[in-house]
C-alpha atoms as a PDB file:
ATOM      1  CA  MET A   1      -6.398   8.103  37.670  1.00  0.00           C
ATOM      2  CA  LEU A   2     -10.153   7.638  38.116  1.00  0.00           C
ATOM      3  CA  THR A   3     -10.815  10.375  35.541  1.00  0.00           C
ATOM      4  CA  VAL A   4      -8.639   8.582  32.970  1.00  0.00           C
ATOM      5  CA  ALA A   5     -10.459   5.299  33.585  1.00  0.00           C
ATOM      6  CA  MET A   6     -13.852   6.982  33.222  1.00  0.00           C
ATOM      7  CA  ALA A   7     -12.769   8.694  29.974  1.00  0.00           C
ATOM      8  CA  ALA A   8     -11.535   5.384  28.554  1.00  0.00           C
ATOM      9  CA  ALA A   9     -14.838   3.709  29.429  1.00  0.00           C
ATOM     10  CA  ALA A  10     -16.783   6.508  27.719  1.00  0.00           C
ATOM     11  CA  VAL A  11     -14.721   6.223  24.537  1.00  0.00           C
ATOM     12  CA  SER A  12     -15.059   2.441  24.365  1.00  0.00           C
ATOM     13  CA  SER A  13     -18.819   2.635  24.896  1.00  0.00           C
ATOM     14  CA  GLU A  14     -19.105   4.989  21.893  1.00  0.00           C
ATOM     15  CA  ALA A  15     -17.102   2.695  19.597  1.00  0.00           C
ATOM     16  CA  ARG A  16     -19.031   1.058  16.783  1.00  0.00           C
ATOM     17  CA  HIS A  17     -19.678  -2.652  16.899  1.00  0.00           C
ATOM     18  CA  GLY A  18     -20.777  -5.168  14.323  1.00  0.00           C
ATOM     19  CA  GLU A  19     -20.365  -4.790  10.602  1.00  0.00           C
ATOM     20  CA  ALA A  20     -20.996  -2.166   7.936  1.00  0.00           C
ATOM     21  CA  ALA A  21     -20.928  -2.433   4.152  1.00  0.00           C
ATOM     22  CA  PRO A  22     -20.751   1.051   2.633  1.00  0.00           C
ATOM     23  CA  THR A  23     -20.952   1.452  -1.129  1.00  0.00           C
ATOM     24  CA  CYS A  24     -17.964   3.161  -2.731  1.00  0.00           C
ATOM     25  CA  SER A  25     -17.763   4.738  -6.200  1.00  0.00           C
ATOM     26  CA  ASN A  26     -14.961   5.588  -8.579  1.00  0.00           C
ATOM     27  CA  LEU A  27     -15.300   9.350  -9.109  1.00  0.00           C
ATOM     28  CA  ALA A  28     -14.116   9.157 -12.732  1.00  0.00           C
ATOM     29  CA  SER A  29     -15.945   6.099 -14.095  1.00  0.00           C
ATOM     30  CA  GLY A  30     -18.905   5.853 -11.734  1.00  0.00           C
ATOM     31  CA  ALA A  31     -18.204   2.150 -11.049  1.00  0.00           C
ATOM     32  CA  SER A  32     -19.302   1.108  -7.567  1.00  0.00           C
ATOM     33  CA  TRP A  33     -18.633  -1.706  -5.089  1.00  0.00           C
ATOM     34  CA  GLN A  34     -19.030  -2.431  -1.397  1.00  0.00           C
ATOM     35  CA  ILE A  35     -16.384  -2.728   1.268  1.00  0.00           C
ATOM     36  CA  ARG A  36     -17.056  -4.779   4.382  1.00  0.00           C
ATOM     37  CA  ILE A  37     -15.984  -3.224   7.668  1.00  0.00           C
ATOM     38  CA  ASP A  38     -16.013  -5.492  10.728  1.00  0.00           C
ATOM     39  CA  TYR A  39     -15.618  -3.272  13.794  1.00  0.00           C
ATOM     40  CA  ASP A  40     -15.408  -6.229  16.202  1.00  0.00           C
ATOM     41  CA  LYS A  41     -12.640  -8.037  14.284  1.00  0.00           C
ATOM     42  CA  VAL A  42     -11.029  -4.717  13.242  1.00  0.00           C
ATOM     43  CA  THR A  43     -10.894  -5.682   9.571  1.00  0.00           C
ATOM     44  CA  VAL A  44     -11.932  -4.338   6.172  1.00  0.00           C
ATOM     45  CA  ASP A  45     -12.636  -6.997   3.528  1.00  0.00           C
ATOM     46  CA  SER A  46     -10.938  -9.449   5.936  1.00  0.00           C
ATOM     47  CA  TYR A  47      -7.678  -7.442   5.979  1.00  0.00           C
ATOM     48  CA  PRO A  48      -6.394  -6.104   9.332  1.00  0.00           C
ATOM     49  CA  ALA A  49      -7.326  -2.438   9.734  1.00  0.00           C
ATOM     50  CA  ARG A  50      -6.654   0.553  11.950  1.00  0.00           C
ATOM     51  CA  ILE A  51      -9.908   2.168  12.992  1.00  0.00           C
ATOM     52  CA  SER A  52     -10.062   5.577  14.663  1.00  0.00           C
ATOM     53  CA  ASP A  53     -12.765   8.216  14.991  1.00  0.00           C
ATOM     54  CA  ALA A  54     -11.312  10.059  11.982  1.00  0.00           C
ATOM     55  CA  GLN A  55     -10.321   7.278   9.579  1.00  0.00           C
ATOM     56  CA  ILE A  56     -10.084   3.620   8.717  1.00  0.00           C
ATOM     57  CA  SER A  57      -6.958   2.365   6.972  1.00  0.00           C
ATOM     58  CA  TRP A  58      -5.852  -1.035   5.695  1.00  0.00           C
ATOM     59  CA  HIS A  59      -3.499  -2.745   3.228  1.00  0.00           C
ATOM     60  CA  ASP A  60      -4.919  -5.067   0.575  1.00  0.00           C
ATOM     61  CA  SER A  61      -2.205  -7.640  -0.094  1.00  0.00           C
ATOM     62  CA  THR A  62      -4.018  -8.836  -3.241  1.00  0.00           C
ATOM     63  CA  ASP A  63      -3.721  -5.573  -5.190  1.00  0.00           C
ATOM     64  CA  GLY A  64      -0.948  -3.983  -3.087  1.00  0.00           C
ATOM     65  CA  GLY A  65      -3.079  -0.934  -2.302  1.00  0.00           C
ATOM     66  CA  ASN A  66      -2.913   1.062   0.920  1.00  0.00           C
ATOM     67  CA  TYR A  67      -6.432   2.348   1.611  1.00  0.00           C
ATOM     68  CA  THR A  68      -7.521   5.228   3.826  1.00  0.00           C
ATOM     69  CA  LEU A  69     -11.194   6.010   4.369  1.00  0.00           C
ATOM     70  CA  ASP A  70     -12.020   9.399   5.871  1.00  0.00           C
ATOM     71  CA  ARG A  71     -14.962   8.673   8.173  1.00  0.00           C
ATOM     72  CA  ARG A  72     -16.289  12.238   8.014  1.00  0.00           C
ATOM     73  CA  SER A  73     -16.242  12.947   4.274  1.00  0.00           C
ATOM     74  CA  GLY A  74     -16.387   9.397   2.870  1.00  0.00           C
ATOM     75  CA  GLU A  75     -13.260  10.095   0.788  1.00  0.00           C
ATOM     76  CA  LEU A  76     -11.423   6.823   0.050  1.00  0.00           C
ATOM     77  CA  THR A  77      -7.811   7.273  -1.045  1.00  0.00           C
ATOM     78  CA  VAL A  78      -5.813   4.367  -2.450  1.00  0.00           C
ATOM     79  CA  VAL A  79      -2.028   4.543  -2.719  1.00  0.00           C
ATOM     80  CA  VAL A  80      -0.392   1.898  -4.899  1.00  0.00           C
ATOM     81  CA  ALA A  81       3.394   1.702  -4.990  1.00  0.00           C
ATOM     82  CA  SER A  82       5.246   0.649  -8.122  1.00  0.00           C
ATOM     83  CA  SER A  83       8.736   0.712  -9.601  1.00  0.00           C
ATOM     84  CA  THR A  84       7.747   3.848 -11.557  1.00  0.00           C
ATOM     85  CA  GLY A  85       6.657   5.770  -8.465  1.00  0.00           C
ATOM     86  CA  GLY A  86       3.136   4.509  -7.940  1.00  0.00           C
ATOM     87  CA  TYR A  87      -0.167   6.305  -8.103  1.00  0.00           C
ATOM     88  CA  PHE A  88      -3.155   7.549  -6.117  1.00  0.00           C
ATOM     89  CA  LEU A  89      -6.825   6.759  -6.706  1.00  0.00           C
ATOM     90  CA  HIS A  90      -9.678   8.764  -5.226  1.00  0.00           C
ATOM     91  CA  HIS A  91     -13.097   7.297  -4.552  1.00  0.00           C
ATOM     92  CA  ARG A  92     -16.139   8.277  -2.499  1.00  0.00           C
ATOM     93  CA  CYS A  93     -17.993   6.012  -0.063  1.00  0.00           C
ATOM     94  CA  LYS A  94     -21.520   6.538   1.225  1.00  0.00           C
ATOM     95  CA  LEU A  95     -21.162   6.025   4.962  1.00  0.00           C
ATOM     96  CA  GLU A  96     -23.930   5.126   7.367  1.00  0.00           C
ATOM     97  CA  ASN A  97     -24.721   7.592  10.138  1.00  0.00           C
END
């Protein structure tokens, strides 16, 4: 039990805090924008997010997109559902180390 508690404390001490604003780019057009990640509030652009070591995911209720950011590669995948089957968009974000 003590080992589990110590492991949990080590993981939580390594978690990021504060905010980050990586720049993302559309791979096809080259257009770029920033997303705002708040690690303390667990949000991206003010939307509730799931943040793990591997990825950050959130749903943007404004555009209906489901976003997944791969924290290792910077690959940002957007899945948008529609009555015709939906579509995927692929972007790249420059993440801070």
